[in-house]
PDB file of all heavy atoms in Angstrom:
ATOM      1  N   ILE A   1     104.447  95.419  87.071  1.00  0.00           N
ATOM      2  CA  ILE A   1     103.900  96.755  86.785  1.00  0.00           C
ATOM      3  C   ILE A   1     104.272  97.210  85.377  1.00  0.00           C
ATOM      4  O   ILE A   1     103.440  97.734  84.644  1.00  0.00           O
ATOM      5  CB  ILE A   1     104.387  97.768  87.839  1.00  0.00           C
ATOM      6  CG1 ILE A   1     103.598  97.559  89.120  1.00  0.00           C
ATOM      7  CG2 ILE A   1     104.260  99.199  87.355  1.00  0.00           C
ATOM      8  CD1 ILE A   1     104.077  98.400  90.281  1.00  0.00           C
ATOM      9  N   ARG A   2     105.527  96.999  84.979  1.00  0.00           N
ATOM     10  CA  ARG A   2     105.951  97.405  83.634  1.00  0.00           C
ATOM     11  C   ARG A   2     105.147  96.657  82.566  1.00  0.00           C
ATOM     12  O   ARG A   2     104.708  97.256  81.582  1.00  0.00           O
ATOM     13  CB  ARG A   2     107.442  97.147  83.431  1.00  0.00           C
ATOM     14  CG  ARG A   2     108.300  98.256  83.951  1.00  0.00           C
ATOM     15  CD  ARG A   2     109.768  98.089  83.528  1.00  0.00           C
ATOM     16  NE  ARG A   2     110.608  98.343  84.669  1.00  0.00           N
ATOM     17  CZ  ARG A   2     111.067  97.448  85.533  1.00  0.00           C
ATOM     18  NH1 ARG A   2     110.807  96.179  85.372  1.00  0.00           N
ATOM     19  NH2 ARG A   2     111.803  97.801  86.553  1.00  0.00           N
ATOM     20  N   LEU A   3     104.938  95.359  82.779  1.00  0.00           N
ATOM     21  CA  LEU A   3     104.180  94.576  81.801  1.00  0.00           C
ATOM     22  C   LEU A   3     102.725  95.030  81.744  1.00  0.00           C
ATOM     23  O   LEU A   3     102.181  95.252  80.663  1.00  0.00           O
ATOM     24  CB  LEU A   3     104.275  93.082  82.124  1.00  0.00           C
ATOM     25  CG  LEU A   3     103.584  92.140  81.146  1.00  0.00           C
ATOM     26  CD1 LEU A   3     104.088  92.329  79.717  1.00  0.00           C
ATOM     27  CD2 LEU A   3     103.779  90.691  81.586  1.00  0.00           C
ATOM     28  N   LEU A   4     102.089  95.204  82.892  1.00  0.00           N
ATOM     29  CA  LEU A   4     100.702  95.688  82.914  1.00  0.00           C
ATOM     30  C   LEU A   4     100.598  97.066  82.278  1.00  0.00           C
ATOM     31  O   LEU A   4      99.661  97.349  81.522  1.00  0.00           O
ATOM     32  CB  LEU A   4     100.180  95.733  84.359  1.00  0.00           C
ATOM     33  CG  LEU A   4     100.004  94.391  85.077  1.00  0.00           C
ATOM     34  CD1 LEU A   4      99.620  94.618  86.534  1.00  0.00           C
ATOM     35  CD2 LEU A   4      98.976  93.522  84.374  1.00  0.00           C
ATOM     36  N   ASN A   5     101.567  97.914  82.565  1.00  0.00           N
ATOM     37  CA  ASN A   5     101.604  99.269  82.008  1.00  0.00           C
ATOM     38  C   ASN A   5     101.756  99.219  80.481  1.00  0.00           C
ATOM     39  O   ASN A   5     101.050  99.925  79.764  1.00  0.00           O
ATOM     40  CB  ASN A   5     102.745 100.055  82.656  1.00  0.00           C
ATOM     41  CG  ASN A   5     102.548 101.527  82.589  1.00  0.00           C
ATOM     42  OD1 ASN A   5     101.436 102.024  82.699  1.00  0.00           O
ATOM     43  ND2 ASN A   5     103.639 102.258  82.426  1.00  0.00           N
ATOM     44  N   ASN A   6     102.653  98.365  79.995  1.00  0.00           N
ATOM     45  CA  ASN A   6     102.851  98.219  78.547  1.00  0.00           C
ATOM     46  C   ASN A   6     101.604  97.679  77.857  1.00  0.00           C
ATOM     47  O   ASN A   6     101.353  97.986  76.699  1.00  0.00           O
ATOM     48  CB  ASN A   6     104.037  97.295  78.249  1.00  0.00           C
ATOM     49  CG  ASN A   6     105.361  97.942  78.565  1.00  0.00           C
ATOM     50  OD1 ASN A   6     105.458  99.159  78.685  1.00  0.00           O
ATOM     51  ND2 ASN A   6     106.394  97.131  78.718  1.00  0.00           N
ATOM     52  N   GLN A   7     100.844  96.873  78.578  1.00  0.00           N
ATOM     53  CA  GLN A   7      99.619  96.306  78.018  1.00  0.00           C
ATOM     54  C   GLN A   7      98.417  97.242  78.207  1.00  0.00           C
ATOM     55  O   GLN A   7      97.296  96.876  77.908  1.00  0.00           O
ATOM     56  CB  GLN A   7      99.333  94.949  78.664  1.00  0.00           C
ATOM     57  CG  GLN A   7     100.360  93.906  78.323  1.00  0.00           C
ATOM     58  CD  GLN A   7     100.140  92.590  79.049  1.00  0.00           C
ATOM     59  OE1 GLN A   7      99.456  92.509  80.065  1.00  0.00           O
ATOM     60  NE2 GLN A   7     100.734  91.537  78.526  1.00  0.00           N
ATOM     61  N   LYS A   8      98.696  98.425  78.736  1.00  0.00           N
ATOM     62  CA  LYS A   8      97.662  99.455  78.947  1.00  0.00           C
ATOM     63  C   LYS A   8      96.560  98.987  79.894  1.00  0.00           C
ATOM     64  O   LYS A   8      95.396  99.368  79.760  1.00  0.00           O
ATOM     65  CB  LYS A   8      97.043  99.905  77.620  1.00  0.00           C
ATOM     66  CG  LYS A   8      98.037 100.316  76.560  1.00  0.00           C
ATOM     67  CD  LYS A   8      98.573 101.680  76.814  1.00  0.00           C
ATOM     68  CE  LYS A   8      99.411 102.171  75.646  1.00  0.00           C
ATOM     69  NZ  LYS A   8     100.782 102.427  75.958  1.00  0.00           N
ATOM     70  N   LYS A   9      96.919  98.150  80.852  1.00  0.00           N
ATOM     71  CA  LYS A   9      95.938  97.680  81.833  1.00  0.00           C
ATOM     72  C   LYS A   9      95.855  98.668  82.990  1.00  0.00           C
ATOM     73  O   LYS A   9      96.820  99.358  83.308  1.00  0.00           O
ATOM     74  CB  LYS A   9      96.325  96.293  82.351  1.00  0.00           C
ATOM     75  CG  LYS A   9      96.211  95.249  81.264  1.00  0.00           C
ATOM     76  CD  LYS A   9      96.214  93.870  81.820  1.00  0.00           C
ATOM     77  CE  LYS A   9      95.992  92.881  80.696  1.00  0.00           C
ATOM     78  NZ  LYS A   9      96.060  91.523  81.153  1.00  0.00           N
ATOM     79  N   ILE A  10      94.693  98.700  83.605  1.00  0.00           N
ATOM     80  CA  ILE A  10      94.464  99.576  84.756  1.00  0.00           C
ATOM     81  C   ILE A  10      94.809  98.786  86.012  1.00  0.00           C
ATOM     82  O   ILE A  10      94.374  97.641  86.169  1.00  0.00           O
ATOM     83  CB  ILE A  10      92.995 100.042  84.800  1.00  0.00           C
ATOM     84  CG1 ILE A  10      92.676 100.852  83.544  1.00  0.00           C
ATOM     85  CG2 ILE A  10      92.731 100.855  86.056  1.00  0.00           C
ATOM     86  CD1 ILE A  10      91.199 101.101  83.343  1.00  0.00           C
ATOM     87  N   PHE A  11      95.605  99.387  86.879  1.00  0.00           N
ATOM     88  CA  PHE A  11      95.997  98.700  88.106  1.00  0.00           C
ATOM     89  C   PHE A  11      96.335  99.708  89.200  1.00  0.00           C
ATOM     90  O   PHE A  11      96.697 100.851  88.929  1.00  0.00           O
ATOM     91  CB  PHE A  11      97.193  97.772  87.862  1.00  0.00           C
ATOM     92  CG  PHE A  11      98.435  98.503  87.422  1.00  0.00           C
ATOM     93  CD1 PHE A  11      99.362  98.956  88.350  1.00  0.00           C
ATOM     94  CD2 PHE A  11      98.678  98.731  86.082  1.00  0.00           C
ATOM     95  CE1 PHE A  11     100.499  99.627  87.952  1.00  0.00           C
ATOM     96  CE2 PHE A  11      99.812  99.412  85.665  1.00  0.00           C
ATOM     97  CZ  PHE A  11     100.730  99.857  86.610  1.00  0.00           C
ATOM     98  N   ASP A  12      96.195  99.255  90.422  1.00  0.00           N
ATOM     99  CA  ASP A  12      96.644  99.983  91.597  1.00  0.00           C
ATOM    100  C   ASP A  12      97.819  99.197  92.159  1.00  0.00           C
ATOM    101  O   ASP A  12      97.966  97.999  91.883  1.00  0.00           O
ATOM    102  CB  ASP A  12      95.543 100.067  92.656  1.00  0.00           C
ATOM    103  CG  ASP A  12      94.332 100.848  92.181  1.00  0.00           C
ATOM    104  OD1 ASP A  12      94.500 101.776  91.370  1.00  0.00           O
ATOM    105  OD2 ASP A  12      93.214 100.520  92.622  1.00  0.00           O
ATOM    106  N   CYS A  13      98.647  99.868  92.947  1.00  0.00           N
ATOM    107  CA  CYS A  13      99.789  99.171  93.521  1.00  0.00           C
ATOM    108  C   CYS A  13     100.142  99.752  94.887  1.00  0.00           C
ATOM    109  O   CYS A  13      99.701 100.851  95.243  1.00  0.00           O
ATOM    110  CB  CYS A  13     100.989  99.235  92.585  1.00  0.00           C
ATOM    111  SG  CYS A  13     101.558 100.900  92.202  1.00  0.00           S
ATOM    112  N   TRP A  14     100.949  98.968  95.613  1.00  0.00           N
ATOM    113  CA  TRP A  14     101.353  99.410  96.952  1.00  0.00           C
ATOM    114  C   TRP A  14     102.600  98.667  97.402  1.00  0.00           C
ATOM    115  O   TRP A  14     102.816  97.504  97.043  1.00  0.00           O
ATOM    116  CB  TRP A  14     100.241  99.171  97.959  1.00  0.00           C
ATOM    117  CG  TRP A  14     100.576  99.713  99.323  1.00  0.00           C
ATOM    118  CD1 TRP A  14     100.985  99.020 100.416  1.00  0.00           C
ATOM    119  CD2 TRP A  14     100.541 101.085  99.711  1.00  0.00           C
ATOM    120  NE1 TRP A  14     101.200  99.875 101.474  1.00  0.00           N
ATOM    121  CE2 TRP A  14     100.938 101.147 101.058  1.00  0.00           C
ATOM    122  CE3 TRP A  14     100.215 102.260  99.052  1.00  0.00           C
ATOM    123  CZ2 TRP A  14     101.020 102.342 101.765  1.00  0.00           C
ATOM    124  CZ3 TRP A  14     100.296 103.450  99.752  1.00  0.00           C
ATOM    125  CH2 TRP A  14     100.685 103.490 101.092  1.00  0.00           C
ATOM    126  N   ASP A  15     103.409  99.365  98.165  1.00  0.00           N
ATOM    127  CA  ASP A  15     104.499  98.766  98.918  1.00  0.00           C
ATOM    128  C   ASP A  15     104.502  99.463 100.265  1.00  0.00           C
ATOM    129  O   ASP A  15     104.287 100.677 100.333  1.00  0.00           O
ATOM    130  CB  ASP A  15     105.841  98.971  98.208  1.00  0.00           C
ATOM    131  CG  ASP A  15     106.920  98.063  98.774  1.00  0.00           C
ATOM    132  OD1 ASP A  15     107.390  98.308  99.917  1.00  0.00           O
ATOM    133  OD2 ASP A  15     107.303  97.106  98.090  1.00  0.00           O
ATOM    134  N   ASP A  16     104.721  98.716 101.328  1.00  0.00           N
ATOM    135  CA  ASP A  16     104.691  99.306 102.664  1.00  0.00           C
ATOM    136  C   ASP A  16     105.840 100.276 102.901  1.00  0.00           C
ATOM    137  O   ASP A  16     105.749 101.143 103.764  1.00  0.00           O
ATOM    138  CB  ASP A  16     104.725  98.203 103.733  1.00  0.00           C
ATOM    139  CG  ASP A  16     103.459  97.365 103.716  1.00  0.00           C
ATOM    140  OD1 ASP A  16     102.397  97.897 103.326  1.00  0.00           O
ATOM    141  OD2 ASP A  16     103.529  96.188 104.108  1.00  0.00           O
ATOM    142  N   ASN A  17     106.897 100.159 102.119  1.00  0.00           N
ATOM    143  CA  ASN A  17     108.069 101.011 102.272  1.00  0.00           C
ATOM    144  C   ASN A  17     107.904 102.286 101.437  1.00  0.00           C
ATOM    145  O   ASN A  17     107.813 102.232 100.205  1.00  0.00           O
ATOM    146  CB  ASN A  17     109.318 100.243 101.834  1.00  0.00           C
ATOM    147  CG  ASN A  17     110.598 100.979 102.097  1.00  0.00           C
ATOM    148  OD1 ASN A  17     110.691 102.190 101.908  1.00  0.00           O
ATOM    149  ND2 ASN A  17     111.613 100.242 102.518  1.00  0.00           N
ATOM    150  N   LYS A  18     107.891 103.425 102.102  1.00  0.00           N
ATOM    151  CA  LYS A  18     107.679 104.720 101.436  1.00  0.00           C
ATOM    152  C   LYS A  18     108.777 105.012 100.408  1.00  0.00           C
ATOM    153  O   LYS A  18     108.510 105.520  99.325  1.00  0.00           O
ATOM    154  CB  LYS A  18     107.637 105.824 102.494  1.00  0.00           C
ATOM    155  CG  LYS A  18     107.272 107.184 101.956  1.00  0.00           C
ATOM    156  CD  LYS A  18     107.163 108.197 103.090  1.00  0.00           C
ATOM    157  CE  LYS A  18     106.782 109.557 102.552  1.00  0.00           C
ATOM    158  NZ  LYS A  18     106.622 110.536 103.624  1.00  0.00           N
ATOM    159  N   LYS A  19     110.015 104.664 100.736  1.00  0.00           N
ATOM    160  CA  LYS A  19     111.140 104.901  99.817  1.00  0.00           C
ATOM    161  C   LYS A  19     110.983 104.064  98.542  1.00  0.00           C
ATOM    162  O   LYS A  19     111.252 104.545  97.445  1.00  0.00           O
ATOM    163  CB  LYS A  19     112.465 104.575 100.502  1.00  0.00           C
ATOM    164  CG  LYS A  19     113.672 104.891  99.665  1.00  0.00           C
ATOM    165  CD  LYS A  19     114.958 104.626 100.421  1.00  0.00           C
ATOM    166  CE  LYS A  19     116.151 104.938  99.542  1.00  0.00           C
ATOM    167  NZ  LYS A  19     117.417 104.678 100.210  1.00  0.00           N
ATOM    168  N   VAL A  20     110.523 102.837  98.698  1.00  0.00           N
ATOM    169  CA  VAL A  20     110.298 101.957  97.547  1.00  0.00           C
ATOM    170  C   VAL A  20     109.205 102.536  96.651  1.00  0.00           C
ATOM    171  O   VAL A  20     109.326 102.531  95.426  1.00  0.00           O
ATOM    172  CB  VAL A  20     109.959 100.521  98.001  1.00  0.00           C
ATOM    173  CG1 VAL A  20     109.503  99.653  96.840  1.00  0.00           C
ATOM    174  CG2 VAL A  20     111.153  99.891  98.704  1.00  0.00           C
ATOM    175  N   ARG A  21     108.138 103.049  97.256  1.00  0.00           N
ATOM    176  CA  ARG A  21     107.069 103.687  96.465  1.00  0.00           C
ATOM    177  C   ARG A  21     107.606 104.898  95.701  1.00  0.00           C
ATOM    178  O   ARG A  21     107.287 105.098  94.531  1.00  0.00           O
ATOM    179  CB  ARG A  21     105.902 104.114  97.368  1.00  0.00           C
ATOM    180  CG  ARG A  21     105.102 102.968  97.930  1.00  0.00           C
ATOM    181  CD  ARG A  21     103.781 103.413  98.553  1.00  0.00           C
ATOM    182  NE  ARG A  21     103.884 104.478  99.521  1.00  0.00           N
ATOM    183  CZ  ARG A  21     104.044 104.313 100.833  1.00  0.00           C
ATOM    184  NH1 ARG A  21     104.135 103.094 101.336  1.00  0.00           N
ATOM    185  NH2 ARG A  21     104.103 105.347 101.638  1.00  0.00           N
ATOM    186  N   TYR A  22     108.435 105.693  96.375  1.00  0.00           N
ATOM    187  CA  TYR A  22     109.022 106.874  95.738  1.00  0.00           C
ATOM    188  C   TYR A  22     109.858 106.462  94.519  1.00  0.00           C
ATOM    189  O   TYR A  22     109.722 107.041  93.440  1.00  0.00           O
ATOM    190  CB  TYR A  22     109.879 107.646  96.754  1.00  0.00           C
ATOM    191  CG  TYR A  22     110.715 108.731  96.119  1.00  0.00           C
ATOM    192  CD1 TYR A  22     110.148 109.950  95.773  1.00  0.00           C
ATOM    193  CD2 TYR A  22     112.056 108.523  95.853  1.00  0.00           C
ATOM    194  CE1 TYR A  22     110.906 110.943  95.165  1.00  0.00           C
ATOM    195  CE2 TYR A  22     112.821 109.502  95.253  1.00  0.00           C
ATOM    196  CZ  TYR A  22     112.247 110.707  94.908  1.00  0.00           C
ATOM    197  OH  TYR A  22     113.006 111.680  94.302  1.00  0.00           O
ATOM    198  N   LEU A  23     110.714 105.448  94.695  1.00  0.00           N
ATOM    199  CA  LEU A  23     111.566 104.997  93.593  1.00  0.00           C
ATOM    200  C   LEU A  23     110.747 104.393  92.454  1.00  0.00           C
ATOM    201  O   LEU A  23     111.057 104.604  91.279  1.00  0.00           O
ATOM    202  CB  LEU A  23     112.596 103.984  94.095  1.00  0.00           C
ATOM    203  CG  LEU A  23     113.664 104.548  95.029  1.00  0.00           C
ATOM    204  CD1 LEU A  23     114.506 103.432  95.633  1.00  0.00           C
ATOM    205  CD2 LEU A  23     114.545 105.556  94.303  1.00  0.00           C
ATOM    206  N   ALA A  24     109.690 103.668  92.794  1.00  0.00           N
ATOM    207  CA  ALA A  24     108.818 103.091  91.770  1.00  0.00           C
ATOM    208  C   ALA A  24     108.169 104.185  90.932  1.00  0.00           C
ATOM    209  O   ALA A  24     108.128 104.112  89.709  1.00  0.00           O
ATOM    210  CB  ALA A  24     107.753 102.217  92.418  1.00  0.00           C
ATOM    211  N   ASN A  25     107.691 105.217  91.615  1.00  0.00           N
ATOM    212  CA  ASN A  25     107.042 106.333  90.919  1.00  0.00           C
ATOM    213  C   ASN A  25     108.039 107.124  90.086  1.00  0.00           C
ATOM    214  O   ASN A  25     107.671 107.721  89.078  1.00  0.00           O
ATOM    215  CB  ASN A  25     106.337 107.242  91.924  1.00  0.00           C
ATOM    216  CG  ASN A  25     105.221 108.022  91.280  1.00  0.00           C
ATOM    217  OD1 ASN A  25     104.452 107.483  90.506  1.00  0.00           O
ATOM    218  ND2 ASN A  25     105.150 109.294  91.601  1.00  0.00           N
ATOM    219  N   LYS A  26     109.282 107.121  90.494  1.00  0.00           N
ATOM    220  CA  LYS A  26     110.336 107.803  89.732  1.00  0.00           C
ATOM    221  C   LYS A  26     110.587 107.076  88.406  1.00  0.00           C
ATOM    222  O   LYS A  26     110.793 107.709  87.380  1.00  0.00           O
ATOM    223  CB  LYS A  26     111.611 107.843  90.577  1.00  0.00           C
ATOM    224  CG  LYS A  26     112.661 108.769  90.081  1.00  0.00           C
ATOM    225  CD  LYS A  26     113.785 108.862  91.097  1.00  0.00           C
ATOM    226  CE  LYS A  26     114.868 109.783  90.590  1.00  0.00           C
ATOM    227  NZ  LYS A  26     115.987 109.861  91.521  1.00  0.00           N
ATOM    228  N   HIS A  27     110.540 105.731  88.443  1.00  0.00           N
ATOM    229  CA  HIS A  27     110.761 104.932  87.233  1.00  0.00           C
ATOM    230  C   HIS A  27     109.531 104.886  86.336  1.00  0.00           C
ATOM    231  O   HIS A  27     109.653 104.853  85.116  1.00  0.00           O
ATOM    232  CB  HIS A  27     111.175 103.510  87.595  1.00  0.00           C
ATOM    233  CG  HIS A  27     112.538 103.426  88.196  1.00  0.00           C
ATOM    234  ND1 HIS A  27     113.689 103.709  87.515  1.00  0.00           N
ATOM    235  CD2 HIS A  27     112.928 103.110  89.451  1.00  0.00           C
ATOM    236  CE1 HIS A  27     114.728 103.573  88.296  1.00  0.00           C
ATOM    237  NE2 HIS A  27     114.299 103.208  89.492  1.00  0.00           N
ATOM    238  N   ILE A  28     108.362 104.841  86.945  1.00  0.00           N
ATOM    239  CA  ILE A  28     107.107 104.815  86.180  1.00  0.00           C
ATOM    240  C   ILE A  28     106.202 105.889  86.776  1.00  0.00           C
ATOM    241  O   ILE A  28     105.519 105.648  87.770  1.00  0.00           O
ATOM    242  CB  ILE A  28     106.428 103.433  86.246  1.00  0.00           C
ATOM    243  CG1 ILE A  28     107.379 102.355  85.735  1.00  0.00           C
ATOM    244  CG2 ILE A  28     105.132 103.441  85.440  1.00  0.00           C
ATOM    245  CD1 ILE A  28     106.848 100.948  85.895  1.00  0.00           C
ATOM    246  N   PRO A  29     106.198 107.066  86.175  1.00  0.00           N
ATOM    247  CA  PRO A  29     105.393 108.170  86.718  1.00  0.00           C
ATOM    248  C   PRO A  29     103.894 107.864  86.719  1.00  0.00           C
ATOM    249  O   PRO A  29     103.408 107.052  85.940  1.00  0.00           O
ATOM    250  CB  PRO A  29     105.702 109.338  85.775  1.00  0.00           C
ATOM    251  CG  PRO A  29     106.946 108.956  85.056  1.00  0.00           C
ATOM    252  CD  PRO A  29     106.969 107.460  85.007  1.00  0.00           C
ATOM    253  N   LYS A  30     103.203 108.513  87.616  1.00  0.00           N
ATOM    254  CA  LYS A  30     101.739 108.462  87.712  1.00  0.00           C
ATOM    255  C   LYS A  30     101.197 107.094  88.113  1.00  0.00           C
ATOM    256  O   LYS A  30     100.116 106.692  87.685  1.00  0.00           O
ATOM    257  CB  LYS A  30     101.089 108.934  86.413  1.00  0.00           C
ATOM    258  CG  LYS A  30     101.439 110.369  86.047  1.00  0.00           C
ATOM    259  CD  LYS A  30     100.765 110.792  84.784  1.00  0.00           C
ATOM    260  CE  LYS A  30     101.207 112.211  84.440  1.00  0.00           C
ATOM    261  NZ  LYS A  30     100.702 112.645  83.157  1.00  0.00           N
ATOM    262  N   LEU A  31     101.943 106.381  88.947  1.00  0.00           N
ATOM    263  CA  LEU A  31     101.412 105.128  89.480  1.00  0.00           C
ATOM    264  C   LEU A  31     100.287 105.443  90.448  1.00  0.00           C
ATOM    265  O   LEU A  31     100.317 106.456  91.136  1.00  0.00           O
ATOM    266  CB  LEU A  31     102.511 104.340  90.206  1.00  0.00           C
ATOM    267  CG  LEU A  31     103.567 103.692  89.322  1.00  0.00           C
ATOM    268  CD1 LEU A  31     104.669 103.080  90.174  1.00  0.00           C
ATOM    269  CD2 LEU A  31     102.948 102.644  88.413  1.00  0.00           C
ATOM    270  N   ASN A  32      99.311 104.580  90.489  1.00  0.00           N
ATOM    271  CA  ASN A  32      98.167 104.771  91.369  1.00  0.00           C
ATOM    272  C   ASN A  32      98.372 103.935  92.636  1.00  0.00           C
ATOM    273  O   ASN A  32      98.083 102.742  92.660  1.00  0.00           O
ATOM    274  CB  ASN A  32      96.881 104.361  90.644  1.00  0.00           C
ATOM    275  CG  ASN A  32      95.660 104.850  91.363  1.00  0.00           C
ATOM    276  OD1 ASN A  32      95.725 105.740  92.203  1.00  0.00           O
ATOM    277  ND2 ASN A  32      94.531 104.250  91.055  1.00  0.00           N
ATOM    278  N   PHE A  33      98.894 104.588  93.687  1.00  0.00           N
ATOM    279  CA  PHE A  33      99.165 103.890  94.934  1.00  0.00           C
ATOM    280  C   PHE A  33      97.916 103.838  95.795  1.00  0.00           C
ATOM    281  O   PHE A  33      97.296 104.857  96.064  1.00  0.00           O
ATOM    282  CB  PHE A  33     100.275 104.596  95.725  1.00  0.00           C
ATOM    283  CG  PHE A  33     101.618 104.531  95.061  1.00  0.00           C
ATOM    284  CD1 PHE A  33     102.204 105.673  94.548  1.00  0.00           C
ATOM    285  CD2 PHE A  33     102.296 103.330  94.954  1.00  0.00           C
ATOM    286  CE1 PHE A  33     103.444 105.620  93.939  1.00  0.00           C
ATOM    287  CE2 PHE A  33     103.545 103.263  94.353  1.00  0.00           C
ATOM    288  CZ  PHE A  33     104.112 104.408  93.837  1.00  0.00           C
ATOM    289  N   LYS A  34      97.545 102.623  96.207  1.00  0.00           N
ATOM    290  CA  LYS A  34      96.418 102.441  97.124  1.00  0.00           C
ATOM    291  C   LYS A  34      96.793 101.361  98.122  1.00  0.00           C
ATOM    292  O   LYS A  34      97.125 100.238  97.736  1.00  0.00           O
ATOM    293  CB  LYS A  34      95.147 102.030  96.372  1.00  0.00           C
ATOM    294  CG  LYS A  34      94.534 103.161  95.602  1.00  0.00           C
ATOM    295  CD  LYS A  34      93.133 102.831  95.191  1.00  0.00           C
ATOM    296  CE  LYS A  34      92.557 104.029  94.439  1.00  0.00           C
ATOM    297  NZ  LYS A  34      91.284 103.715  93.847  1.00  0.00           N
ATOM    298  N   LYS A  35      96.718 101.721  99.383  1.00  0.00           N
ATOM    299  CA  LYS A  35      96.997 100.768 100.442  1.00  0.00           C
ATOM    300  C   LYS A  35      95.903  99.703 100.457  1.00  0.00           C
ATOM    301  O   LYS A  35      94.764  99.961 100.088  1.00  0.00           O
ATOM    302  CB  LYS A  35      97.054 101.504 101.780  1.00  0.00           C
ATOM    303  CG  LYS A  35      97.671 100.717 102.877  1.00  0.00           C
ATOM    304  CD  LYS A  35      97.897 101.595 104.099  1.00  0.00           C
ATOM    305  CE  LYS A  35      98.641 100.808 105.157  1.00  0.00           C
ATOM    306  NZ  LYS A  35      98.984 101.615 106.311  1.00  0.00           N
ATOM    307  N   ILE A  36      96.262  98.504 100.872  1.00  0.00           N
ATOM    308  CA  ILE A  36      95.288  97.412 100.934  1.00  0.00           C
ATOM    309  C   ILE A  36      94.131  97.803 101.840  1.00  0.00           C
ATOM    310  O   ILE A  36      94.336  98.264 102.956  1.00  0.00           O
ATOM    311  CB  ILE A  36      95.938  96.120 101.456  1.00  0.00           C
ATOM    312  CG1 ILE A  36      96.873  95.565 100.398  1.00  0.00           C
ATOM    313  CG2 ILE A  36      94.892  95.087 101.810  1.00  0.00           C
ATOM    314  CD1 ILE A  36      97.559  94.306 100.830  1.00  0.00           C
ATOM    315  N   ASN A  37      92.944  97.632 101.326  1.00  0.00           N
ATOM    316  CA  ASN A  37      91.736  97.950 102.064  1.00  0.00           C
ATOM    317  C   ASN A  37      90.852  96.702 102.038  1.00  0.00           C
ATOM    318  O   ASN A  37      90.485  96.221 100.970  1.00  0.00           O
ATOM    319  CB  ASN A  37      91.027  99.130 101.390  1.00  0.00           C
ATOM    320  CG  ASN A  37      89.755  99.519 102.062  1.00  0.00           C
ATOM    321  OD1 ASN A  37      88.942  98.677 102.421  1.00  0.00           O
ATOM    322  ND2 ASN A  37      89.551 100.811 102.205  1.00  0.00           N
ATOM    323  N   LYS A  38      90.530  96.169 103.204  1.00  0.00           N
ATOM    324  CA  LYS A  38      89.761  94.913 103.287  1.00  0.00           C
ATOM    325  C   LYS A  38      88.431  94.985 102.539  1.00  0.00           C
ATOM    326  O   LYS A  38      87.972  94.006 101.972  1.00  0.00           O
ATOM    327  CB  LYS A  38      89.516  94.535 104.744  1.00  0.00           C
ATOM    328  CG  LYS A  38      90.755  94.079 105.450  1.00  0.00           C
ATOM    329  CD  LYS A  38      90.461  93.728 106.883  1.00  0.00           C
ATOM    330  CE  LYS A  38      91.743  93.361 107.615  1.00  0.00           C
ATOM    331  NZ  LYS A  38      91.517  93.065 109.012  1.00  0.00           N
TER     332      LYS A  38
END
């Protein structure tokens, strides 16, 4: 995520653990969380 973010790439991300998502967003604000959709 940090590398994609530094390269200004557009991406969505997800982790099944809510606490992990919270911590990720704390380190890199404005992450676009999207659960896997078939």
